[in-house]
Protein backbone atom coordinates (compact mmCIF):
# COMPACT_ATOMS: atom_id res chain seq x y z
CA MET A 1 0.00 0.00 0.00
CA ASN A 2 1.66 3.26 -1.12
CA ILE A 3 1.71 6.57 0.71
CA LEU A 4 -1.06 8.15 -1.38
CA SER A 5 -3.43 5.23 -0.76
CA CYS A 6 -2.71 5.42 2.96
CA LEU A 7 -3.24 9.18 2.95
CA ARG A 8 -6.61 8.76 1.23
CA LEU A 9 -7.63 6.23 3.88
CA VAL A 10 -6.64 8.58 6.69
CA SER A 11 -8.53 11.43 5.03
CA LEU A 12 -11.69 9.40 4.43
CA LEU A 13 -11.64 7.88 7.90
CA SER A 14 -11.22 11.24 9.58
CA PHE A 15 -14.17 12.59 7.58
CA SER A 16 -16.41 9.65 8.47
CA VAL A 17 -15.77 9.79 12.22
CA ALA A 18 -15.40 13.54 12.79
CA SER A 19 -18.54 13.66 14.88
CA SER A 20 -16.90 11.41 17.47
CA LEU A 21 -14.10 13.93 17.88
CA ALA A 22 -16.58 16.73 18.56
CA THR A 23 -17.90 14.93 21.63
CA SER A 24 -14.65 15.63 23.43
CA GLY A 25 -15.60 19.30 23.69
CA PRO A 26 -13.42 22.35 23.02
CA PHE A 27 -11.08 21.80 25.94
CA GLY A 28 -7.85 19.82 25.84
CA ILE A 29 -4.23 19.57 26.93
CA SER A 30 -1.55 21.84 25.56
CA SER A 31 1.47 20.25 23.91
CA GLY A 32 5.13 21.21 23.74
CA ALA A 33 5.87 18.99 20.74
CA SER A 34 8.03 20.02 17.81
CA PRO A 35 6.39 22.63 15.59
CA LEU A 36 6.86 20.80 12.29
CA PHE A 37 6.37 17.15 11.44
CA ALA A 38 7.47 15.83 8.06
CA VAL A 39 6.58 12.51 6.48
CA ARG A 40 8.81 11.71 3.54
CA GLY A 41 7.84 9.77 0.44
CA GLY A 42 7.14 6.08 1.01
CA GLY A 43 6.91 6.47 4.77
CA LEU A 44 3.54 7.89 5.71
CA PHE A 45 3.45 5.62 8.72
CA GLY A 46 6.52 6.27 10.83
CA ASN A 47 7.25 5.80 14.49
CA LYS A 48 6.16 9.03 16.14
CA ASP A 49 9.24 8.97 18.37
CA GLU A 50 11.45 9.05 15.28
CA LYS A 51 9.76 12.01 13.61
CA LYS A 52 12.17 14.88 13.34
CA GLU A 53 11.56 18.59 13.14
CA GLU A 54 12.23 19.62 9.56
CA LYS A 55 12.02 22.80 7.57
CA VAL A 56 9.38 23.58 5.04
CA PRO A 57 11.15 23.26 1.66
CA SER A 58 13.44 26.24 1.03
CA ASP A 59 14.64 27.42 -2.37
CA GLY A 60 17.96 25.62 -1.84
CA THR A 61 20.09 28.73 -2.31
CA GLY A 62 20.93 29.24 1.35
CA LYS A 63 19.68 32.79 1.05
CA LYS A 64 18.16 34.34 4.17
CA TYR A 65 14.85 36.13 3.80
CA PRO A 66 13.85 38.92 6.20
CA PRO A 67 11.07 38.42 8.75
CA MET A 68 7.58 39.27 7.62
CA THR A 69 6.05 42.33 9.24
CA GLN A 70 2.75 42.21 11.10
CA THR A 71 1.10 43.98 8.17
CA GLU A 72 2.46 41.38 5.73
CA ILE A 73 1.23 38.51 7.91
CA GLU A 74 -2.21 40.11 8.18
CA GLU A 75 -2.33 40.43 4.40
CA TRP A 76 -1.13 36.81 4.04
CA LEU A 77 -4.08 35.65 6.18
CA GLU A 78 -6.61 38.18 4.88
CA HIS A 79 -8.27 35.94 2.26
CA ILE A 80 -9.05 33.19 4.80
CA PRO A 81 -12.67 33.42 6.05
CA VAL A 82 -13.60 32.49 9.60
CA PHE A 83 -17.13 32.28 10.95
CA ALA A 84 -18.73 33.36 14.21
CA VAL A 85 -22.14 33.81 15.82
CA THR A 86 -23.15 37.48 16.09
CA ASP A 87 -26.26 39.40 17.10
CA SER A 88 -28.37 41.60 14.81
CA ASN A 89 -25.98 44.54 15.34
CA GLY A 90 -22.93 42.55 14.25
CA ALA A 91 -21.58 42.24 17.78
CA GLY A 92 -19.98 38.91 18.61
CA VAL A 93 -21.80 36.58 20.98
CA VAL A 94 -19.57 35.75 23.95
CA LEU A 95 -20.31 32.46 25.69
CA ARG A 96 -19.68 31.20 29.19
CA PRO A 97 -19.22 27.43 28.88
CA GLU A 98 -17.24 27.29 32.14
CA ASN A 99 -17.49 29.08 35.46
CA ASP A 100 -16.22 32.66 35.21
CA THR A 101 -14.92 32.04 31.68
CA SER A 102 -15.96 34.30 28.79
CA VAL A 103 -15.23 32.66 25.43
CA PHE A 104 -15.69 33.76 21.83
CA TYR A 105 -15.45 31.13 19.09
CA PHE A 106 -14.24 31.61 15.51
CA PHE A 107 -14.72 28.57 13.24
CA LEU A 108 -12.86 27.70 10.04
CA ASN A 109 -15.82 25.58 8.96
CA PRO A 110 -19.10 27.52 8.54
CA ASN A 111 -21.10 24.34 9.23
CA GLN A 112 -19.67 24.22 12.76
CA ALA A 113 -20.62 27.87 13.28
CA ASN A 114 -24.15 27.12 12.06
CA ALA A 115 -24.36 24.13 14.44
CA THR A 116 -23.45 26.50 17.29
CA LEU A 117 -26.05 28.99 16.07
CA THR A 118 -28.75 26.30 16.01
CA GLN A 119 -27.89 25.22 19.54
CA LEU A 120 -27.95 28.80 20.85
CA LYS A 121 -31.26 29.55 19.14
CA SER A 122 -32.88 26.46 20.60
CA ALA A 123 -32.10 27.76 24.09
CA ASN A 124 -32.63 31.47 23.33
CA GLU A 125 -35.47 31.65 20.80
CA GLU A 126 -36.07 35.36 21.38
CA MET A 127 -32.55 36.35 20.34
CA ASP A 128 -31.87 37.54 16.80
CA LEU A 129 -28.61 35.71 16.11
CA ARG A 130 -26.82 34.86 12.89
CA VAL A 131 -23.54 33.53 11.49
CA SER A 132 -21.16 36.14 10.08
CA ALA A 133 -17.91 35.80 8.14
CA PHE A 134 -14.71 37.65 9.02
CA SER A 135 -11.17 37.86 7.68
CA LEU A 136 -8.62 35.80 9.62
CA GLY A 137 -6.01 38.45 8.81
CA LYS A 138 -8.06 41.17 10.47
CA ILE A 139 -8.58 39.24 13.70
CA TRP A 140 -5.28 37.37 14.09
CA PHE A 141 -3.39 40.08 15.95
CA ASN A 142 -6.34 42.34 16.73
CA LEU A 143 -8.24 39.72 18.74
CA LEU A 144 -6.63 36.26 18.80
CA GLN A 145 -3.29 37.65 20.02
CA SER A 146 -4.69 40.53 22.05
CA ASP A 147 -6.14 41.19 25.49
CA LYS A 148 -7.95 44.39 24.58
CA GLU A 149 -10.80 45.58 26.73
CA VAL A 150 -14.33 44.83 25.52
CA ILE A 151 -17.83 45.68 26.70
CA LEU A 152 -20.11 42.73 27.49
CA LYS A 153 -23.85 43.33 27.18
CA GLN A 154 -26.98 41.41 26.26
CA PRO A 155 -27.24 40.53 22.53
CA GLY A 156 -29.21 43.11 20.56
CA GLU A 157 -28.66 46.01 22.98
CA GLU A 158 -27.54 49.16 21.19
CA ASP A 159 -26.51 51.37 24.10
CA ALA A 160 -22.92 51.44 25.34
CA SER A 161 -23.67 50.29 28.88
CA GLY A 162 -22.40 46.91 30.01
CA GLU A 163 -19.63 45.08 31.81
CA SER A 164 -16.08 46.07 30.85
CA THR A 165 -13.55 43.21 30.77
CA LYS A 166 -10.24 42.10 29.31
CA ASN A 167 -10.87 38.46 30.12
CA VAL A 168 -12.54 37.29 26.92
CA GLU A 169 -10.77 34.21 25.56
CA TYR A 170 -10.83 33.99 21.75
CA ARG A 171 -10.73 30.46 20.38
CA LEU A 172 -10.06 29.56 16.76
CA VAL A 173 -11.62 26.15 16.01
CA PRO A 174 -10.32 23.94 13.17
CA ASP A 175 -12.46 21.56 11.14
CA THR A 176 -12.82 18.49 13.37
CA ARG A 177 -12.16 16.19 10.41
CA ASP A 178 -8.76 17.69 9.69
CA LEU A 179 -7.88 17.82 13.38
CA LEU A 180 -8.49 14.08 13.61
CA GLY A 181 -6.63 13.53 10.33
CA ALA A 182 -3.59 15.37 11.72
CA ARG A 183 -3.65 13.26 14.88
CA MET A 184 -3.88 10.08 12.82
CA LEU A 185 -0.96 11.09 10.62
CA LEU A 186 1.16 11.54 13.73
CA THR A 187 0.22 8.25 15.40
CA MET A 188 -0.04 5.63 12.64
CA THR A 189 2.98 3.32 12.51
CA PRO A 190 4.50 0.92 9.92
CA GLU A 191 2.72 -1.88 11.76
CA ASP A 192 -0.61 -0.13 11.23
CA GLY A 193 0.20 0.12 7.52
CA GLU A 194 0.93 -3.60 7.35
CA LYS A 195 -2.38 -4.42 9.06
CA LEU A 196 -4.20 -2.24 6.54
CA LYS A 197 -2.44 -4.00 3.68
CA GLU A 198 -3.22 -7.46 5.04
CA SER A 199 -6.89 -6.66 5.60
CA GLY A 200 -7.28 -5.04 2.19
CA GLY A 201 -8.45 -1.74 3.64
CA MET A 202 -9.87 -0.09 6.74
CA THR A 203 -12.07 -2.48 8.72
CA PRO A 204 -14.35 -1.26 11.56
CA GLU A 205 -11.96 -2.78 14.11
CA LEU A 206 -8.90 -1.08 12.60
CA ALA A 207 -10.82 2.18 12.36
CA GLN A 208 -11.75 2.13 16.04
CA ALA A 209 -8.17 1.27 17.02
CA ALA A 210 -6.79 4.10 14.83
CA ILE A 211 -9.22 6.62 16.31
CA LYS A 212 -8.44 5.57 19.88
CA LYS A 213 -4.71 5.82 19.22
CA ALA A 214 -5.06 9.22 17.57
CA MET A 215 -7.11 10.57 20.45
CA GLU A 216 -4.84 9.26 23.19
CA GLU A 217 -1.30 9.26 21.78
CA SER A 218 -0.94 12.17 19.36
CA PRO A 219 2.09 14.29 20.35
CA LYS A 220 0.40 17.44 19.03
CA PHE A 221 -3.04 18.85 18.17
CA LYS A 222 -4.46 17.62 21.47
CA GLN A 223 -6.68 20.67 21.89
CA THR A 224 -9.82 21.22 19.84
CA PHE A 225 -9.11 24.94 19.51
CA ASN A 226 -6.10 27.19 18.78
CA GLU A 227 -4.13 24.27 17.33
CA ILE A 228 -4.88 24.52 13.64
CA PRO A 229 -3.30 21.84 11.42
CA VAL A 230 -1.85 22.98 8.10
CA PHE A 231 -0.91 20.38 5.47
CA THR A 232 1.42 20.65 2.49
CA ILE A 233 3.16 18.40 -0.05
CA ALA A 234 6.71 19.54 -0.75
CA GLN A 235 6.63 18.74 -4.48
CA MET A 236 3.48 20.75 -5.20
CA ARG A 237 3.63 24.24 -6.66
CA MET A 238 1.13 26.63 -8.19
CA GLN A 239 1.71 29.64 -10.40
CA LYS A 240 0.25 33.08 -9.83
CA GLN A 241 -0.20 34.85 -13.11
CA PRO A 242 0.60 38.58 -13.27
CA GLY A 243 -2.33 40.98 -13.13
CA GLU A 244 -3.54 43.11 -16.01
CA ASP A 245 -1.31 45.98 -14.86
CA GLU A 246 1.70 43.62 -14.47
CA LYS A 247 1.95 42.17 -17.98
CA ASP A 248 5.70 42.76 -18.08
CA LYS A 249 6.26 40.49 -15.05
CA GLU A 250 6.84 36.73 -14.95
CA PRO A 251 4.42 34.32 -13.21
CA VAL A 252 5.22 33.75 -9.53
CA THR A 253 5.70 30.16 -8.29
CA LEU A 254 4.04 29.52 -4.92
CA LEU A 255 4.03 26.64 -2.42
CA PRO A 256 0.41 25.89 -1.42
CA MET A 257 -0.50 24.97 2.16
CA TYR A 258 -3.91 23.54 3.01
CA PHE A 259 -6.31 23.56 5.95
CA SER A 260 -8.07 20.55 4.39
CA MET A 261 -6.19 17.27 3.99
CA GLN A 262 -8.88 15.99 1.62
CA ASN A 263 -8.51 19.08 -0.56
CA MET A 264 -4.72 18.61 -0.62
CA VAL A 265 -5.02 14.94 -1.61
CA GLY A 266 -7.48 15.76 -4.40
CA THR A 267 -5.23 18.54 -5.72
CA TRP A 268 -2.21 16.22 -5.66
CA GLN A 269 -4.09 13.61 -7.66
CA GLU A 270 -4.99 16.19 -10.30
CA PHE A 271 -1.40 17.44 -10.25
CA MET A 272 -0.06 13.92 -10.92
CA LYS A 273 -2.53 13.32 -13.79
CA GLN A 274 -0.90 16.22 -15.64
CA ALA A 275 2.68 15.32 -14.65
CA PRO A 276 5.13 13.70 -17.10
CA SER A 277 5.02 9.90 -17.14
CA ASP A 278 8.50 9.55 -15.65
CA ILE A 279 7.37 11.10 -12.34
CA GLN A 280 3.90 9.53 -12.11
CA GLY A 281 5.08 7.20 -9.37
CA VAL A 282 6.64 9.88 -7.15
CA GLU A 283 5.49 9.59 -3.55
CA PRO A 284 4.34 12.86 -1.94
CA ALA A 285 6.49 14.35 0.84
CA ILE A 286 3.87 15.44 3.35
CA ASN A 287 4.48 18.18 5.90
CA LEU A 288 2.17 18.97 8.82
CA MET A 289 2.42 21.91 11.18
CA SER A 290 0.39 24.23 13.38
CA LEU A 291 -0.81 27.56 11.97
CA HIS A 292 0.34 29.36 15.12
CA ASP A 293 3.84 27.86 14.77
CA LEU A 294 3.82 28.81 11.10
CA VAL A 295 3.07 32.45 11.89
CA ASP A 296 5.76 32.48 14.58
CA MET A 297 8.29 31.25 12.00
CA MET A 298 7.28 34.03 9.61
CA LYS A 299 8.28 36.62 12.19
CA LYS A 300 11.91 35.44 12.05
CA GLU A 301 14.66 35.52 9.45
CA SER A 302 14.44 32.32 7.45
CA GLU A 303 15.76 30.34 4.48
CA ILE A 304 12.12 29.96 3.49
CA ASP A 305 10.61 32.76 1.45
CA TRP A 306 7.24 32.86 3.19
CA ARG A 307 6.11 35.55 0.78
CA HIS A 308 6.00 32.79 -1.86
CA VAL A 309 3.78 30.49 0.23
CA VAL A 310 0.01 30.64 -0.17
CA LEU A 311 -2.56 29.40 2.34
CA VAL A 312 -5.50 27.68 0.64
CA PRO A 313 -8.89 28.29 2.36
CA LEU A 314 -10.96 25.38 3.61
CA ALA A 315 -13.00 24.13 0.66
CA PRO A 316 -16.79 24.06 1.20
CA SER A 317 -18.25 20.56 1.36
CA ALA A 318 -21.76 19.23 1.24
CA GLY A 319 -21.22 16.91 4.18
CA GLY A 320 -19.75 19.50 6.48
CA ALA A 321 -19.20 18.79 10.14
CA GLU A 322 -22.72 19.07 11.45
CA GLY A 323 -23.37 18.52 15.11
CA SER A 324 -19.89 19.63 16.13
CA SER A 325 -20.79 22.67 18.19
CA PRO A 326 -18.52 22.96 21.25
CA LEU A 327 -21.30 24.38 23.40
CA ALA A 328 -23.44 22.84 26.09
CA GLY A 329 -25.84 25.13 27.89
CA ALA A 330 -23.56 28.17 27.71
CA SER A 331 -24.93 31.57 28.65
CA THR A 332 -24.53 34.41 26.15
CA THR A 333 -23.48 38.05 26.07
CA SER A 334 -22.13 40.21 23.26
CA ALA A 335 -18.87 42.10 22.81
CA ASP A 336 -18.79 45.36 20.90
CA PRO A 337 -15.38 45.11 19.09
CA MET A 338 -16.84 42.57 16.68
CA ALA A 339 -19.15 45.26 15.34
CA GLN A 340 -16.06 47.03 14.01
CA MET A 341 -15.06 44.07 11.85
CA GLY A 342 -17.71 44.31 9.15
CA GLY A 343 -18.52 40.62 8.80
CA ALA A 344 -20.69 39.52 5.90
CA THR A 345 -23.76 37.75 7.26
CA LEU A 346 -24.32 34.21 6.05
CA GLY A 347 -27.69 33.65 7.68
CA ASP A 348 -29.14 30.76 9.55
CA ASP A 349 -28.98 27.95 7.00
C-alpha cells in the first residue's frame, strides 16, 4: 500500500468519524511537541518517536529572507474566512461554557458555526442571532493575540452600557475532520500500515483502534481549539499569473498549504494526472504543522521565502461537520469590538 493510498484512507476515515471527535468538547491539553512534522515519500506511517523537526522546503540557495512584518502577515491571512455567531448589530456573541470564563469562538468551517447557532437559538429563541464571516487576517493580531478591553452586554442592545472586561478568551476552532486527520498522521505506525495491507483496507476494528490511538497518543493537536493543522506536499507548486497591470512580469511560483487534507489529496491527484510519465510514481512528501507555529516562523529571518507560500482556504463541502458545536448550555453576552469588523452575514442555514 503506497503513501497516497494510505493518505486517502486517513482522510476518508477522519471525515467519516469527525462527529466522534466533537464529543470531546473544546477543551484539551496543551502540547510542547516540535512545531513541524514531516513525512517523507514512502513512509507515511513512521514511528512518532522518530519524527524529526524539519524545515518547510526552502529554495535551496541558502539565502536568508527577512522576517515578515505584522502587516504582511495580516495580508497573508486576509483571504481566509472564519465564521462566528453574532447578534443583529454585528456584535460577537460571547459564551460562558465554564465558570467565570468568557469565550468567543471563531470557526474555520461555517457548518460548525451554524451548528453552534442552532444550539444557541434552541435555548434562546427570542434572540436575533446569525452567522457572520470575518477575515482571519483582520482578527489574528487584533483579537486572537490581544487582550484588549471589551464591553459585554446582552445581545441586541444598542446602548454602550455593560460590563467592561479584558478576560474574553478567543478560540479559533479547526475543522474536526482535519484535526483528527492530523492526529492520525502523527500516530499511525509501519505496523498499522501492514495491518491495513493485510486486511485489504480499513475495517471497523482497525478504524476504532486508529481513532483511539489518535485521540490518546498524538504528540500534538491535542486541543480542539487554537491548534490549527496545516498540510502541504513539498513537491506541489502553483503559479500566480501577473495581473492586467503587471503584464511585463513573470508568473510567480508559490508553495500551497492547506487547511483541508482531503482538498490537498485531491489537488495532488490532479497534479499527478498532468505530470510527465516519468514522475507519475513519485510519492508525496507530506508536511504537517500548526498555523500558530507557522506564523511564529514568519516573524523570524528564514531560508524559506514565506512571501512565496500561499494558504488555501478550507474548501466548502456538502457533508460539512454538522453537530460539532462545542457548546453545552452556555450563557450568552455580546462584545462590541466585533461590530467594528464588518462581517458579511451568512444567515441561519
